[in-house]
Amino acid sequence: MKGLEDIATPRRTKEIIQRHGFSFKKSLGQNFLVDQNILQKIVAAAGLDETKGALEIGPGIGALTERLARSAKCVTAVEIDQRLLPILDEVMAPYDQVRVRHGDVLKLDLKEVFAEDFADVEKVSVVANLPYYVTTPILMKLLEDKLPLENIVVMIQKEVAERMAAAPGSKDYGSLSIAVQYYSEPELVCIVPHTVFIPQPNVESAVIRLRVRPEPPVQVPDEKHFFEVVQSAFAQRRKTIANNLKSRFFTKENKDALEPLLRSADIEPSRRGETLSIEEFARLSTLLLEAGYK
């Protein structure tokens, strides 16, 4: 295998695909990256070294896996498409530190995977070119499972990346922004044109880094309730925070109790959910819970 060019070139990617008779499945969101520059930026953003591990989701034919193997102590790649396993076996043959697991990452017990595959590394990052149709469920599973992660560096749809990194008051800010920022510190690494993929997707992409927080930026007595308040506040973006919360937590009989509660949280009832910071949502959730509105 020595002397072969990197996988992430149009020529080598096409050669591997043709030799194995591989055909892309649109239902799996398969788009293979063929740009060395972008790969370098992804791996650099993860801050890997010989003491750290990497978990990759959807390795495809191994373009990013190859780069991770050269930077990390060990790499586990989870691939859902069984047709790609023989290709990965072949191209990863020179790298003893790579383990390929066949499965759906949304169904895997990731704590078990970490215990088995990353027992002898100091820190682990998720580094992946994610299938766009399951980006949010995968990222929320990684964050909610509270895995011992340092970074999550992923290529996702640009629009979704912008929503994750959005600040209060911007058009992109919403419940996804708050959920991601509760668990991590998001930062856009770079914008990626559709021309660097085979086949080319119809949308622009972006690489985003989520630095996983050791502790959330706010303390709430009940996380589930906190996220329910956030979801309710964005149920209808044109409505005020008061009207959205009335629909979810209050009845006709007790709806008059909401405005005083909002004011005691220093939140004007006429504001919209998109203007509230994560700290204000935490304060509001706590007051609602203390007042018995679940």
Protein backbone atom coordinates (compact mmCIF):
# COMPACT_ATOMS: atom_id res chain seq x y z
CA MET A 1 0.00 0.00 0.00
CA LYS A 2 2.98 2.32 0.40
CA GLY A 3 3.47 4.87 -2.31
CA LEU A 4 -0.26 5.18 -3.07
CA GLU A 5 -1.62 8.70 -3.25
CA ASP A 6 -4.07 9.91 -0.62
CA ILE A 7 -7.64 8.67 -0.96
CA ALA A 8 -9.07 12.20 -1.06
CA THR A 9 -8.35 13.01 -4.68
CA PRO A 10 -10.93 12.81 -7.48
CA ARG A 11 -8.78 10.28 -9.39
CA ARG A 12 -8.12 7.90 -6.49
CA THR A 13 -11.68 8.12 -5.19
CA LYS A 14 -13.11 7.25 -8.61
CA GLU A 15 -10.58 4.43 -9.03
CA ILE A 16 -11.56 2.83 -5.66
CA ILE A 17 -15.28 3.22 -6.34
CA GLN A 18 -15.05 1.71 -9.82
CA ARG A 19 -12.79 -1.17 -8.78
CA HIS A 20 -15.24 -2.24 -6.08
CA GLY A 21 -18.34 -1.56 -8.20
CA PHE A 22 -19.65 0.77 -5.53
CA SER A 23 -22.78 2.85 -6.21
CA PHE A 24 -23.89 5.77 -4.06
CA LYS A 25 -27.07 5.49 -2.00
CA LYS A 26 -28.89 8.80 -1.83
CA SER A 27 -30.87 7.52 1.16
CA LEU A 28 -27.62 7.33 3.18
CA GLY A 29 -26.50 10.84 2.23
CA GLN A 30 -23.21 9.61 0.78
CA ASN A 31 -20.93 12.39 -0.50
CA PHE A 32 -17.19 11.65 -0.48
CA LEU A 33 -14.77 14.52 0.15
CA VAL A 34 -11.96 14.86 -2.42
CA ASP A 35 -10.16 17.96 -1.15
CA GLN A 36 -6.88 17.67 0.81
CA ASN A 37 -7.09 21.23 2.10
CA ILE A 38 -10.46 20.79 3.76
CA LEU A 39 -9.38 17.48 5.30
CA GLN A 40 -6.35 19.20 6.78
CA LYS A 41 -8.55 21.91 8.32
CA ILE A 42 -10.91 19.30 9.82
CA VAL A 43 -8.09 17.28 11.42
CA ALA A 44 -6.28 20.42 12.65
CA ALA A 45 -9.46 21.70 14.32
CA ALA A 46 -9.72 18.47 16.33
CA GLY A 47 -6.32 19.05 17.97
CA LEU A 48 -5.31 15.39 17.83
CA ASP A 49 -1.94 13.94 18.79
CA GLU A 50 -0.38 10.56 19.63
CA THR A 51 -2.01 10.54 23.10
CA LYS A 52 -5.58 11.05 21.80
CA GLY A 53 -8.30 9.01 20.09
CA ALA A 54 -10.79 9.81 17.34
CA LEU A 55 -14.28 8.49 16.70
CA GLU A 56 -15.40 8.85 13.09
CA ILE A 57 -19.01 8.43 11.96
CA GLY A 58 -19.63 7.48 8.32
CA PRO A 59 -16.05 6.99 7.06
CA GLY A 60 -17.15 6.18 3.49
CA ILE A 61 -14.04 4.92 1.68
CA GLY A 62 -11.67 6.22 4.35
CA ALA A 63 -10.42 9.62 3.11
CA LEU A 64 -10.74 11.27 6.53
CA THR A 65 -9.99 8.01 8.39
CA GLU A 66 -6.58 7.90 6.73
CA ARG A 67 -5.77 11.42 7.94
CA LEU A 68 -7.00 10.66 11.46
CA ALA A 69 -4.85 7.51 11.60
CA ARG A 70 -1.78 9.64 10.89
CA SER A 71 -2.62 12.09 13.69
CA ALA A 72 -4.20 10.10 16.55
CA LYS A 73 -3.16 7.16 18.71
CA CYS A 74 -6.27 5.19 17.74
CA VAL A 75 -9.31 5.62 15.51
CA THR A 76 -12.69 3.91 15.58
CA ALA A 77 -14.82 4.40 12.46
CA VAL A 78 -18.52 3.50 12.55
CA GLU A 79 -20.01 2.69 9.13
CA ILE A 80 -23.66 1.80 8.54
CA ASP A 81 -23.28 0.65 4.91
CA GLN A 82 -22.08 -2.95 4.79
CA ARG A 83 -20.94 -2.53 1.16
CA LEU A 84 -18.16 -0.19 2.31
CA LEU A 85 -16.61 -2.65 4.80
CA PRO A 86 -14.40 -4.52 2.29
CA ILE A 87 -13.19 -1.20 0.85
CA LEU A 88 -12.30 0.06 4.33
CA ASP A 89 -10.56 -3.24 5.15
CA GLU A 90 -8.40 -2.78 2.06
CA VAL A 91 -7.52 0.92 2.35
CA MET A 92 -6.98 0.80 6.12
CA ALA A 93 -4.72 -2.28 5.96
CA PRO A 94 -1.55 -0.21 6.66
CA TYR A 95 -3.06 1.32 9.80
CA ASP A 96 -3.17 -1.05 12.79
CA GLN A 97 -4.57 1.73 14.98
CA VAL A 98 -7.86 1.87 13.02
CA ARG A 99 -10.88 -0.19 14.04
CA VAL A 100 -13.94 -0.27 11.78
CA ARG A 101 -17.28 -1.05 13.41
CA HIS A 102 -20.34 -1.89 11.34
CA GLY A 103 -23.50 -0.33 12.74
CA ASP A 104 -25.84 2.61 13.13
CA VAL A 105 -24.30 5.13 15.52
CA LEU A 106 -27.78 6.12 16.74
CA LYS A 107 -28.32 2.55 17.99
CA LEU A 108 -24.86 1.87 19.38
CA ASP A 109 -24.06 1.98 23.10
CA LEU A 110 -21.37 4.62 22.75
CA LYS A 111 -20.30 4.38 26.40
CA GLU A 112 -19.48 0.74 25.75
CA VAL A 113 -17.59 1.65 22.55
CA PHE A 114 -15.54 4.21 24.51
CA ALA A 115 -14.76 1.70 27.27
CA GLU A 116 -13.59 -0.90 24.73
CA ASP A 117 -11.80 1.25 22.14
CA PHE A 118 -10.47 4.27 24.01
CA ALA A 119 -9.42 2.89 27.40
CA ASP A 120 -5.76 3.81 26.90
CA VAL A 121 -6.05 7.34 25.49
CA GLU A 122 -6.21 10.61 27.40
CA LYS A 123 -8.85 12.41 25.32
CA VAL A 124 -11.22 11.56 22.48
CA SER A 125 -12.76 13.73 19.76
CA VAL A 126 -15.49 12.93 17.24
CA VAL A 127 -14.33 13.89 13.75
CA ALA A 128 -16.69 13.21 10.85
CA ASN A 129 -18.28 14.18 7.56
CA LEU A 130 -21.83 13.53 8.75
CA PRO A 131 -24.75 12.44 6.55
CA TYR A 132 -26.85 15.60 6.42
CA TYR A 133 -30.21 13.89 6.90
CA VAL A 134 -29.27 12.70 10.43
CA THR A 135 -26.91 15.48 11.54
CA THR A 136 -29.00 16.80 14.44
CA PRO A 137 -30.00 13.41 15.95
CA ILE A 138 -26.37 12.23 15.85
CA LEU A 139 -24.95 15.40 17.39
CA MET A 140 -27.61 15.52 20.12
CA LYS A 141 -26.95 11.87 20.98
CA LEU A 142 -23.22 12.57 21.27
CA LEU A 143 -23.88 15.57 23.54
CA GLU A 144 -26.73 14.13 25.62
CA ASP A 145 -24.91 10.85 26.29
CA LYS A 146 -22.31 12.98 28.12
CA LEU A 147 -19.42 11.05 26.68
CA PRO A 148 -15.88 11.98 27.74
CA LEU A 149 -15.29 14.08 24.62
CA GLU A 150 -12.87 16.93 24.04
CA ASN A 151 -14.12 18.18 20.65
CA ILE A 152 -16.72 17.34 18.04
CA VAL A 153 -15.50 18.49 14.63
CA VAL A 154 -17.98 17.77 11.87
CA MET A 155 -18.81 18.70 8.31
CA ILE A 156 -22.51 19.49 8.16
CA GLN A 157 -24.95 21.56 6.12
CA LYS A 158 -23.94 25.24 6.32
CA GLU A 159 -27.41 26.38 7.34
CA VAL A 160 -27.46 23.95 10.29
CA ALA A 161 -23.94 24.97 11.38
CA GLU A 162 -25.02 28.63 11.38
CA ARG A 163 -28.03 27.80 13.55
CA MET A 164 -25.84 25.93 16.04
CA ALA A 165 -23.43 28.85 16.40
CA ALA A 166 -26.07 31.63 16.34
CA ALA A 167 -26.28 34.32 19.02
CA PRO A 168 -29.51 35.58 20.66
CA GLY A 169 -31.41 38.07 18.51
CA SER A 170 -30.20 36.69 15.17
CA LYS A 171 -32.48 35.06 12.60
CA ASP A 172 -30.67 31.71 12.95
CA TYR A 173 -30.99 31.54 16.75
CA GLY A 174 -33.42 28.94 18.03
CA SER A 175 -33.88 25.86 20.21
CA LEU A 176 -31.06 24.03 18.38
CA SER A 177 -28.64 26.90 19.16
CA ILE A 178 -29.47 26.68 22.86
CA ALA A 179 -29.29 22.87 23.01
CA VAL A 180 -25.86 22.80 21.34
CA GLN A 181 -24.54 25.75 23.37
CA TYR A 182 -25.74 24.18 26.63
CA TYR A 183 -23.37 21.26 26.07
CA SER A 184 -20.60 22.87 24.02
CA GLU A 185 -18.96 25.99 22.63
CA PRO A 186 -19.56 26.05 18.85
CA GLU A 187 -17.21 27.71 16.39
CA LEU A 188 -17.41 27.75 12.59
CA VAL A 189 -14.10 26.52 11.15
CA CYS A 190 -14.70 27.03 7.42
CA ILE A 191 -17.31 27.08 4.67
CA VAL A 192 -17.05 24.24 2.14
CA PRO A 193 -18.30 24.53 -1.47
CA HIS A 194 -20.30 21.65 -2.95
CA THR A 195 -17.68 21.21 -5.69
CA VAL A 196 -15.24 19.32 -3.40
CA PHE A 197 -17.46 16.24 -3.11
CA ILE A 198 -18.25 13.21 -5.24
CA PRO A 199 -21.16 13.27 -5.94
CA GLN A 200 -21.79 16.98 -5.36
CA PRO A 201 -24.53 17.80 -2.83
CA ASN A 202 -27.09 20.50 -3.60
CA VAL A 203 -26.19 22.58 -0.55
CA GLU A 204 -23.20 24.41 0.85
CA SER A 205 -21.44 22.77 3.76
CA ALA A 206 -19.49 23.99 6.76
CA VAL A 207 -17.04 22.54 9.24
CA ILE A 208 -18.00 23.32 12.84
CA ARG A 209 -16.09 22.58 16.03
CA LEU A 210 -17.99 21.99 19.26
CA ARG A 211 -15.71 22.23 22.28
CA VAL A 212 -17.50 20.01 24.77
CA ARG A 213 -18.08 21.80 28.07
CA PRO A 214 -17.06 20.08 31.32
CA GLU A 215 -20.13 21.76 32.87
CA PRO A 216 -23.11 23.57 31.30
CA PRO A 217 -22.91 27.40 31.34
CA VAL A 218 -26.07 27.53 33.51
CA GLN A 219 -27.35 25.40 36.37
CA VAL A 220 -30.96 24.20 36.14
CA PRO A 221 -32.82 21.95 38.58
CA ASP A 222 -34.36 19.85 35.78
CA GLU A 223 -32.72 19.64 32.32
CA LYS A 224 -35.74 18.02 30.70
CA HIS A 225 -38.00 20.84 31.90
CA PHE A 226 -35.45 23.47 30.82
CA PHE A 227 -35.44 22.13 27.25
CA GLU A 228 -39.25 21.91 27.22
CA VAL A 229 -39.41 25.61 28.12
CA VAL A 230 -36.94 26.40 25.33
CA GLN A 231 -38.87 24.32 22.77
CA SER A 232 -42.14 25.98 23.80
CA ALA A 233 -40.66 29.47 23.45
CA PHE A 234 -39.86 28.77 19.78
CA ALA A 235 -43.08 26.85 18.99
CA GLN A 236 -44.29 29.79 16.87
CA ARG A 237 -41.52 32.28 16.22
CA ARG A 238 -43.88 35.19 15.52
CA LYS A 239 -45.56 34.83 18.91
CA THR A 240 -44.32 36.46 22.09
CA ILE A 241 -42.69 34.39 24.83
CA ALA A 242 -45.85 34.89 26.93
CA ASN A 243 -48.21 33.55 24.26
CA ASN A 244 -46.00 30.55 23.45
CA LEU A 245 -45.63 29.56 27.10
CA LYS A 246 -49.37 29.98 27.80
CA SER A 247 -50.12 27.35 25.16
CA ARG A 248 -47.84 24.79 26.81
CA PHE A 249 -47.75 25.37 30.57
CA PHE A 250 -50.89 27.28 31.48
CA THR A 251 -54.67 26.84 31.37
CA LYS A 252 -57.38 29.48 31.00
CA GLU A 253 -57.79 29.44 34.78
CA ASN A 254 -54.16 30.21 35.68
CA LYS A 255 -52.84 32.07 32.62
CA ASP A 256 -52.77 35.39 34.51
CA ALA A 257 -49.95 34.02 36.67
CA LEU A 258 -47.51 33.95 33.74
CA GLU A 259 -46.77 37.65 33.25
CA PRO A 260 -45.77 38.26 36.90
CA LEU A 261 -43.54 35.19 36.68
CA LEU A 262 -41.86 36.50 33.54
CA ARG A 263 -41.30 39.89 35.14
CA SER A 264 -39.79 38.30 38.25
CA ALA A 265 -37.31 36.63 35.86
CA ASP A 266 -36.55 40.12 34.41
CA ILE A 267 -38.15 39.15 31.08
CA GLU A 268 -40.68 41.41 29.40
CA PRO A 269 -43.74 39.32 28.34
CA SER A 270 -43.76 41.06 24.93
CA ARG A 271 -40.32 39.67 23.98
CA ARG A 272 -39.93 36.79 21.56
CA GLY A 273 -38.06 33.59 22.33
CA GLU A 274 -35.26 34.39 19.89
CA THR A 275 -34.17 37.37 22.02
CA LEU A 276 -33.62 35.38 25.22
CA SER A 277 -30.16 34.27 26.29
CA ILE A 278 -29.47 30.81 27.69
CA GLU A 279 -29.14 32.42 31.16
CA GLU A 280 -32.61 33.96 30.85
CA PHE A 281 -34.09 30.63 29.79
CA ALA A 282 -32.44 28.97 32.81
CA ARG A 283 -33.87 31.60 35.16
CA LEU A 284 -37.32 31.28 33.61
CA SER A 285 -37.32 27.48 33.69
CA THR A 286 -36.30 27.48 37.36
CA LEU A 287 -39.06 29.93 38.34
CA LEU A 288 -41.73 28.00 36.40
CA LEU A 289 -40.67 24.77 38.09
CA GLU A 290 -40.63 26.33 41.55
CA ALA A 291 -44.14 27.67 40.91
CA GLY A 292 -45.29 24.17 39.93
CA TYR A 293 -45.69 24.70 36.17
CA LYS A 294 -44.39 21.48 34.61
